[in-house]
């Protein structure tokens, strides 16, 4: 299956590190949300979405991409990177 992993990585770049590791391991093409919005994704069988999460939601550009540009009828998977402060852990 032809797969692409689309991501938005801000702040410390941790989502990009995760995406790069997955892409290297599985030979998956990657693109930022901005790049993917301008691409024809119809040739891909499976589309991955990777984003950090802020206040319980993917980043705004990722949400917008999923609403406006994600092709219908494709297998989709998600990678999310959460920040969970040490002081909140029990």
C-alpha atoms as a PDB file:
ATOM      1  CA  UNK A   1       0.000   0.000   0.000  1.00  0.00           C
ATOM      2  CA  UNK A   2       1.242   3.455  -0.869  1.00  0.00           C
ATOM      3  CA  UNK A   3       1.351   5.502   2.325  1.00  0.00           C
ATOM      4  CA  UNK A   4       2.040   9.119   3.234  1.00  0.00           C
ATOM      5  CA  UNK A   5       2.416  10.564   6.714  1.00  0.00           C
ATOM      6  CA  UNK A   6       1.276  14.179   6.995  1.00  0.00           C
ATOM      7  CA  UNK A   7       2.357  16.132  10.039  1.00  0.00           C
ATOM      8  CA  UNK A   8       2.416  19.412  11.882  1.00  0.00           C
ATOM      9  CA  UNK A   9       5.303  19.881  14.272  1.00  0.00           C
ATOM     10  CA  UNK A  10       5.735  23.039  16.316  1.00  0.00           C
ATOM     11  CA  UNK A  11       7.602  24.125  19.426  1.00  0.00           C
ATOM     12  CA  UNK A  12      10.351  21.534  20.042  1.00  0.00           C
ATOM     13  CA  UNK A  13       9.955  19.450  16.876  1.00  0.00           C
ATOM     14  CA  UNK A  14       9.110  16.250  18.745  1.00  0.00           C
ATOM     15  CA  UNK A  15       6.307  15.266  16.360  1.00  0.00           C
ATOM     16  CA  UNK A  16       8.714  15.576  13.422  1.00  0.00           C
ATOM     17  CA  UNK A  17      11.204  13.333  15.247  1.00  0.00           C
ATOM     18  CA  UNK A  18       8.473  10.713  15.659  1.00  0.00           C
ATOM     19  CA  UNK A  19       7.389  11.060  12.019  1.00  0.00           C
ATOM     20  CA  UNK A  20      10.977  10.793  10.760  1.00  0.00           C
ATOM     21  CA  UNK A  21      11.560   7.607  12.779  1.00  0.00           C
ATOM     22  CA  UNK A  22       8.358   5.972  11.500  1.00  0.00           C
ATOM     23  CA  UNK A  23       9.062   7.052   7.914  1.00  0.00           C
ATOM     24  CA  UNK A  24      12.604   5.681   8.036  1.00  0.00           C
ATOM     25  CA  UNK A  25      11.499   2.362   9.525  1.00  0.00           C
ATOM     26  CA  UNK A  26       8.641   1.768   7.082  1.00  0.00           C
ATOM     27  CA  UNK A  27       9.751   3.699   3.986  1.00  0.00           C
ATOM     28  CA  UNK A  28       6.841   6.118   4.152  1.00  0.00           C
ATOM     29  CA  UNK A  29       6.778   9.469   2.397  1.00  0.00           C
ATOM     30  CA  UNK A  30       6.202  12.492   4.636  1.00  0.00           C
ATOM     31  CA  UNK A  31       4.808  15.969   4.061  1.00  0.00           C
ATOM     32  CA  UNK A  32       3.896  18.881   6.264  1.00  0.00           C
ATOM     33  CA  UNK A  33       0.244  19.846   6.508  1.00  0.00           C
ATOM     34  CA  UNK A  34       0.980  22.885   4.333  1.00  0.00           C
ATOM     35  CA  UNK A  35       2.725  20.778   1.663  1.00  0.00           C
ATOM     36  CA  UNK A  36      -0.013  18.140   1.693  1.00  0.00           C
ATOM     37  CA  UNK A  37      -2.792  20.705   1.272  1.00  0.00           C
ATOM     38  CA  UNK A  38      -1.312  21.528  -2.151  1.00  0.00           C
ATOM     39  CA  UNK A  39      -0.794  17.873  -3.177  1.00  0.00           C
ATOM     40  CA  UNK A  40      -2.980  15.403  -5.051  1.00  0.00           C
ATOM     41  CA  UNK A  41      -3.319  12.633  -2.471  1.00  0.00           C
ATOM     42  CA  UNK A  42      -5.498  10.374  -4.614  1.00  0.00           C
ATOM     43  CA  UNK A  43      -2.542   8.064  -5.412  1.00  0.00           C
ATOM     44  CA  UNK A  44      -2.113   7.145  -1.732  1.00  0.00           C
ATOM     45  CA  UNK A  45      -3.967   4.177  -0.279  1.00  0.00           C
ATOM     46  CA  UNK A  46      -3.256   5.075   3.344  1.00  0.00           C
ATOM     47  CA  UNK A  47      -2.828   8.517   4.882  1.00  0.00           C
ATOM     48  CA  UNK A  48      -1.339   9.108   8.302  1.00  0.00           C
ATOM     49  CA  UNK A  49      -1.910  12.271  10.293  1.00  0.00           C
ATOM     50  CA  UNK A  50       0.572  13.254  13.008  1.00  0.00           C
ATOM     51  CA  UNK A  51       0.238  16.240  15.276  1.00  0.00           C
ATOM     52  CA  UNK A  52       0.808  17.429  18.760  1.00  0.00           C
ATOM     53  CA  UNK A  53      -2.265  17.912  20.883  1.00  0.00           C
ATOM     54  CA  UNK A  54      -3.135  21.141  22.660  1.00  0.00           C
ATOM     55  CA  UNK A  55      -6.131  21.419  24.950  1.00  0.00           C
ATOM     56  CA  UNK A  56      -7.428  18.046  23.777  1.00  0.00           C
ATOM     57  CA  UNK A  57      -7.305  18.816  20.045  1.00  0.00           C
ATOM     58  CA  UNK A  58      -4.859  18.461  17.176  1.00  0.00           C
ATOM     59  CA  UNK A  59      -3.166  21.700  16.188  1.00  0.00           C
ATOM     60  CA  UNK A  60      -5.368  24.117  14.225  1.00  0.00           C
ATOM     61  CA  UNK A  61      -3.715  23.650  10.795  1.00  0.00           C
ATOM     62  CA  UNK A  62      -4.030  19.864  11.155  1.00  0.00           C
ATOM     63  CA  UNK A  63      -7.723  20.131  12.049  1.00  0.00           C
ATOM     64  CA  UNK A  64      -8.281  22.433   9.059  1.00  0.00           C
ATOM     65  CA  UNK A  65      -6.428  20.026   6.734  1.00  0.00           C
ATOM     66  CA  UNK A  66      -8.551  17.094   7.901  1.00  0.00           C
ATOM     67  CA  UNK A  67     -11.753  19.087   7.385  1.00  0.00           C
ATOM     68  CA  UNK A  68     -10.834  20.603   4.000  1.00  0.00           C
ATOM     69  CA  UNK A  69      -8.260  18.438   2.229  1.00  0.00           C
ATOM     70  CA  UNK A  70      -8.353  14.851   3.461  1.00  0.00           C
ATOM     71  CA  UNK A  71      -9.656  12.670   0.603  1.00  0.00           C
ATOM     72  CA  UNK A  72     -12.713  10.551   1.302  1.00  0.00           C
ATOM     73  CA  UNK A  73     -12.551   6.757   1.178  1.00  0.00           C
ATOM     74  CA  UNK A  74      -8.913   6.385   2.244  1.00  0.00           C
ATOM     75  CA  UNK A  75      -7.521   4.364   5.117  1.00  0.00           C
ATOM     76  CA  UNK A  76      -6.410   6.883   7.728  1.00  0.00           C
ATOM     77  CA  UNK A  77      -4.314   6.457  10.857  1.00  0.00           C
ATOM     78  CA  UNK A  78      -3.254   8.936  13.513  1.00  0.00           C
ATOM     79  CA  UNK A  79      -0.114   9.585  15.527  1.00  0.00           C
ATOM     80  CA  UNK A  80      -0.513  11.997  18.360  1.00  0.00           C
ATOM     81  CA  UNK A  81       2.109  13.377  20.654  1.00  0.00           C
ATOM     82  CA  UNK A  82       0.906  14.566  24.016  1.00  0.00           C
ATOM     83  CA  UNK A  83       2.633  16.718  26.570  1.00  0.00           C
ATOM     84  CA  UNK A  84       1.954  15.565  30.085  1.00  0.00           C
ATOM     85  CA  UNK A  85       3.849  17.590  32.686  1.00  0.00           C
ATOM     86  CA  UNK A  86       5.768  15.628  35.289  1.00  0.00           C
ATOM     87  CA  UNK A  87       4.133  17.563  38.116  1.00  0.00           C
ATOM     88  CA  UNK A  88       0.714  16.190  37.085  1.00  0.00           C
ATOM     89  CA  UNK A  89       1.842  12.560  37.146  1.00  0.00           C
ATOM     90  CA  UNK A  90       1.112  10.513  40.241  1.00  0.00           C
END
